[in-house]
Amino acid sequence: MTFTSAELAYLREEPIGRLCTIGADGDPQIRPVGVHLGPGDVTIDVVGHALATTQKWRNVVRNPRVAFIVDTVLSVRPPDARGIEIRGTATALPGAGSVEGGLSGDIIRIVPHRIISWGLDGVGTTARNWGELPRATD
């Protein structure tokens, strides 16, 4: 699944998104993370200074189903908001990234299966699906 040109432009200009993973107890965990496009601009890459030691890393290893959202409220009155929600599968990639600037070199790579965006490609909300998300296994 690919991003539209408007979605790519938005993802490039916004520095922070929120990654939601599923914990061992089945509860969601959400954390702010930087927005980074992956190779070929077809994935979202989450990087960090000690990423492989975090709960979000352990959650992804256990259950790859994730959601990632970036949104901006430009005005409440009149209402003017834009954003993108990406649902997909994530893979923990130890040592696959850069260690520049003190980064750990570890990556959580998100492959989109559903993209919902609003305020980016004209008026309204658009949603696209690609395939089915795998279900968690115990």
C-alpha atoms as a PDB file:
ATOM      1  CA  MET A   1       0.000   0.000   0.000  1.00  0.00           C
ATOM      2  CA  THR A   2       1.380   3.386  -0.902  1.00  0.00           C
ATOM      3  CA  PHE A   3       0.850   6.838   0.504  1.00  0.00           C
ATOM      4  CA  THR A   4      -0.598   9.609  -1.647  1.00  0.00           C
ATOM      5  CA  SER A   5       1.621  12.574  -2.450  1.00  0.00           C
ATOM      6  CA  ALA A   6      -0.327  14.723   0.046  1.00  0.00           C
ATOM      7  CA  GLU A   7       0.094  12.091   2.771  1.00  0.00           C
ATOM      8  CA  LEU A   8       3.835  11.858   2.092  1.00  0.00           C
ATOM      9  CA  ALA A   9       4.195  15.646   2.252  1.00  0.00           C
ATOM     10  CA  TYR A  10       2.320  15.720   5.564  1.00  0.00           C
ATOM     11  CA  LEU A  11       4.377  12.877   7.073  1.00  0.00           C
ATOM     12  CA  ARG A  12       7.590  14.676   6.037  1.00  0.00           C
ATOM     13  CA  GLU A  13       6.583  17.932   7.724  1.00  0.00           C
ATOM     14  CA  GLU A  14       5.260  16.580  11.027  1.00  0.00           C
ATOM     15  CA  PRO A  15       7.921  15.606  13.591  1.00  0.00           C
ATOM     16  CA  ILE A  16       5.825  13.629  16.107  1.00  0.00           C
ATOM     17  CA  GLY A  17       3.292  10.823  15.848  1.00  0.00           C
ATOM     18  CA  ARG A  18       1.849   8.350  18.309  1.00  0.00           C
ATOM     19  CA  LEU A  19       2.458   4.613  18.113  1.00  0.00           C
ATOM     20  CA  CYS A  20      -0.099   2.262  19.634  1.00  0.00           C
ATOM     21  CA  THR A  21       0.973  -1.299  20.408  1.00  0.00           C
ATOM     22  CA  ILE A  22      -0.737  -4.112  22.295  1.00  0.00           C
ATOM     23  CA  GLY A  23       0.696  -5.153  25.669  1.00  0.00           C
ATOM     24  CA  ALA A  24       0.980  -8.670  27.069  1.00  0.00           C
ATOM     25  CA  ASP A  25      -2.287  -8.188  28.974  1.00  0.00           C
ATOM     26  CA  GLY A  26      -4.115  -7.144  25.782  1.00  0.00           C
ATOM     27  CA  ASP A  27      -4.298  -3.481  26.761  1.00  0.00           C
ATOM     28  CA  PRO A  28      -3.168  -0.853  24.266  1.00  0.00           C
ATOM     29  CA  GLN A  29      -0.068   1.220  24.955  1.00  0.00           C
ATOM     30  CA  ILE A  30       0.427   4.517  23.139  1.00  0.00           C
ATOM     31  CA  ARG A  31       3.651   6.522  23.018  1.00  0.00           C
ATOM     32  CA  PRO A  32       4.846   9.616  21.165  1.00  0.00           C
ATOM     33  CA  VAL A  33       7.582   8.841  18.647  1.00  0.00           C
ATOM     34  CA  GLY A  34       9.314  10.620  15.795  1.00  0.00           C
ATOM     35  CA  VAL A  35       7.870  10.386  12.288  1.00  0.00           C
ATOM     36  CA  HIS A  36      10.272   8.751   9.820  1.00  0.00           C
ATOM     37  CA  LEU A  37       9.447   7.343   6.415  1.00  0.00           C
ATOM     38  CA  GLY A  38      11.116   4.015   5.652  1.00  0.00           C
ATOM     39  CA  PRO A  39      12.845   2.850   2.475  1.00  0.00           C
ATOM     40  CA  GLY A  40      10.959   3.789  -0.671  1.00  0.00           C
ATOM     41  CA  ASP A  41       8.528   5.900   1.382  1.00  0.00           C
ATOM     42  CA  VAL A  42       6.203   2.890   1.777  1.00  0.00           C
ATOM     43  CA  THR A  43       6.652   2.196   5.512  1.00  0.00           C
ATOM     44  CA  ILE A  44       6.919   4.121   8.767  1.00  0.00           C
ATOM     45  CA  ASP A  45      10.130   3.559  10.733  1.00  0.00           C
ATOM     46  CA  VAL A  46      10.274   4.167  14.477  1.00  0.00           C
ATOM     47  CA  VAL A  47      13.790   4.747  15.813  1.00  0.00           C
ATOM     48  CA  GLY A  48      15.179   5.643  19.217  1.00  0.00           C
ATOM     49  CA  HIS A  49      18.165   5.862  21.515  1.00  0.00           C
ATOM     50  CA  ALA A  50      17.434   2.602  23.352  1.00  0.00           C
ATOM     51  CA  LEU A  51      14.532   1.265  21.294  1.00  0.00           C
ATOM     52  CA  ALA A  52      15.120  -2.467  21.858  1.00  0.00           C
ATOM     53  CA  THR A  53      14.856  -1.952  25.633  1.00  0.00           C
ATOM     54  CA  THR A  54      11.389  -0.361  25.492  1.00  0.00           C
ATOM     55  CA  GLN A  55       7.937  -1.764  26.171  1.00  0.00           C
ATOM     56  CA  LYS A  56       6.804  -0.840  22.661  1.00  0.00           C
ATOM     57  CA  TRP A  57       9.604  -3.030  21.237  1.00  0.00           C
ATOM     58  CA  ARG A  58       8.579  -5.972  23.434  1.00  0.00           C
ATOM     59  CA  ASN A  59       4.943  -5.430  22.488  1.00  0.00           C
ATOM     60  CA  VAL A  60       5.742  -5.525  18.746  1.00  0.00           C
ATOM     61  CA  VAL A  61       7.825  -8.681  19.142  1.00  0.00           C
ATOM     62  CA  ARG A  62       4.863 -10.331  20.895  1.00  0.00           C
ATOM     63  CA  ASN A  63       2.075  -8.912  18.717  1.00  0.00           C
ATOM     64  CA  PRO A  64       2.834  -7.118  15.420  1.00  0.00           C
ATOM     65  CA  ARG A  65      -0.542  -5.337  15.156  1.00  0.00           C
ATOM     66  CA  VAL A  66      -0.103  -1.584  15.567  1.00  0.00           C
ATOM     67  CA  ALA A  67      -1.677   1.765  14.821  1.00  0.00           C
ATOM     68  CA  PHE A  68       0.203   4.999  14.169  1.00  0.00           C
ATOM     69  CA  ILE A  69      -1.379   8.440  14.049  1.00  0.00           C
ATOM     70  CA  VAL A  70      -0.185  11.921  13.178  1.00  0.00           C
ATOM     71  CA  ASP A  71      -2.671  14.766  13.431  1.00  0.00           C
ATOM     72  CA  THR A  72      -2.829  18.527  13.622  1.00  0.00           C
ATOM     73  CA  VAL A  73      -5.668  20.804  14.726  1.00  0.00           C
ATOM     74  CA  LEU A  74      -5.226  24.069  12.862  1.00  0.00           C
ATOM     75  CA  SER A  75      -8.401  25.674  14.190  1.00  0.00           C
ATOM     76  CA  VAL A  76     -11.277  24.724  16.477  1.00  0.00           C
ATOM     77  CA  ARG A  77     -13.577  27.487  15.211  1.00  0.00           C
ATOM     78  CA  PRO A  78     -13.992  27.057  12.339  1.00  0.00           C
ATOM     79  CA  PRO A  79     -13.040  23.377  12.537  1.00  0.00           C
ATOM     80  CA  ASP A  80      -9.876  22.696  10.558  1.00  0.00           C
ATOM     81  CA  ALA A  81      -7.896  19.538  11.237  1.00  0.00           C
ATOM     82  CA  ARG A  82      -5.746  17.167   9.254  1.00  0.00           C
ATOM     83  CA  GLY A  83      -4.083  13.884   9.905  1.00  0.00           C
ATOM     84  CA  ILE A  84      -3.357  10.313   9.013  1.00  0.00           C
ATOM     85  CA  GLU A  85      -3.963   7.028  10.812  1.00  0.00           C
ATOM     86  CA  ILE A  86      -1.986   3.997   9.715  1.00  0.00           C
ATOM     87  CA  ARG A  87      -2.985   0.510  10.836  1.00  0.00           C
ATOM     88  CA  GLY A  88      -0.666  -2.309  10.011  1.00  0.00           C
ATOM     89  CA  THR A  89       1.938  -4.797  11.069  1.00  0.00           C
ATOM     90  CA  ALA A  90       5.241  -3.931  12.660  1.00  0.00           C
ATOM     91  CA  THR A  91       8.524  -5.766  12.679  1.00  0.00           C
ATOM     92  CA  ALA A  92      11.302  -5.260  15.219  1.00  0.00           C
ATOM     93  CA  LEU A  93      14.583  -4.939  13.291  1.00  0.00           C
ATOM     94  CA  PRO A  94      17.577  -4.997  15.655  1.00  0.00           C
ATOM     95  CA  GLY A  95      20.630  -3.157  14.321  1.00  0.00           C
ATOM     96  CA  ALA A  96      19.020  -2.365  10.949  1.00  0.00           C
ATOM     97  CA  GLY A  97      19.263   1.418  11.203  1.00  0.00           C
ATOM     98  CA  SER A  98      21.578   4.304  11.850  1.00  0.00           C
ATOM     99  CA  VAL A  99      23.466   4.909  15.085  1.00  0.00           C
ATOM    100  CA  GLU A 100      24.075   8.523  14.127  1.00  0.00           C
ATOM    101  CA  GLY A 101      23.220  11.035  16.850  1.00  0.00           C
ATOM    102  CA  GLY A 102      23.169   8.378  19.551  1.00  0.00           C
ATOM    103  CA  LEU A 103      20.419   6.258  17.992  1.00  0.00           C
ATOM    104  CA  SER A 104      20.454   2.576  18.924  1.00  0.00           C
ATOM    105  CA  GLY A 105      20.349   1.381  15.314  1.00  0.00           C
ATOM    106  CA  ASP A 106      17.165  -0.557  16.042  1.00  0.00           C
ATOM    107  CA  ILE A 107      13.996   0.032  14.007  1.00  0.00           C
ATOM    108  CA  ILE A 108      10.327  -0.787  14.388  1.00  0.00           C
ATOM    109  CA  ARG A 109       9.093  -0.867  10.782  1.00  0.00           C
ATOM    110  CA  ILE A 110       5.356  -0.469  10.155  1.00  0.00           C
ATOM    111  CA  VAL A 111       3.844  -1.840   6.954  1.00  0.00           C
ATOM    112  CA  PRO A 112       0.439  -0.198   6.354  1.00  0.00           C
ATOM    113  CA  HIS A 113      -2.643  -2.337   5.768  1.00  0.00           C
ATOM    114  CA  ARG A 114      -5.177   0.471   6.227  1.00  0.00           C
ATOM    115  CA  ILE A 115      -4.600   4.199   5.762  1.00  0.00           C
ATOM    116  CA  ILE A 116      -7.177   6.768   6.845  1.00  0.00           C
ATOM    117  CA  SER A 117      -6.446  10.430   6.193  1.00  0.00           C
ATOM    118  CA  TRP A 118      -8.393  13.643   6.594  1.00  0.00           C
ATOM    119  CA  GLY A 119      -7.828  17.215   5.492  1.00  0.00           C
ATOM    120  CA  LEU A 120      -4.971  16.199   3.182  1.00  0.00           C
ATOM    121  CA  ASP A 121      -6.356  15.104  -0.191  1.00  0.00           C
ATOM    122  CA  GLY A 122      -9.189  17.570  -0.570  1.00  0.00           C
ATOM    123  CA  VAL A 123     -12.321  17.693   1.531  1.00  0.00           C
ATOM    124  CA  GLY A 124     -13.331  14.900   3.858  1.00  0.00           C
ATOM    125  CA  THR A 125     -11.830  11.606   4.914  1.00  0.00           C
ATOM    126  CA  THR A 126     -10.323   8.925   2.713  1.00  0.00           C
ATOM    127  CA  ALA A 127      -9.677   5.319   3.715  1.00  0.00           C
ATOM    128  CA  ARG A 128      -7.856   2.551   1.876  1.00  0.00           C
ATOM    129  CA  ASN A 129      -7.368  -1.121   2.805  1.00  0.00           C
ATOM    130  CA  TRP A 130      -4.773  -3.588   1.655  1.00  0.00           C
ATOM    131  CA  GLY A 131      -5.085  -7.166   2.808  1.00  0.00           C
ATOM    132  CA  GLU A 132      -5.981  -8.366   6.249  1.00  0.00           C
ATOM    133  CA  LEU A 133      -4.044  -7.845   9.458  1.00  0.00           C
ATOM    134  CA  PRO A 134      -2.715 -11.035  10.982  1.00  0.00           C
ATOM    135  CA  ARG A 135      -4.339 -11.978  14.280  1.00  0.00           C
ATOM    136  CA  ALA A 136      -2.358 -12.233  17.484  1.00  0.00           C
ATOM    137  CA  THR A 137      -1.361 -15.697  18.585  1.00  0.00           C
ATOM    138  CA  ASP A 138      -0.631 -16.801  22.125  1.00  0.00           C
END
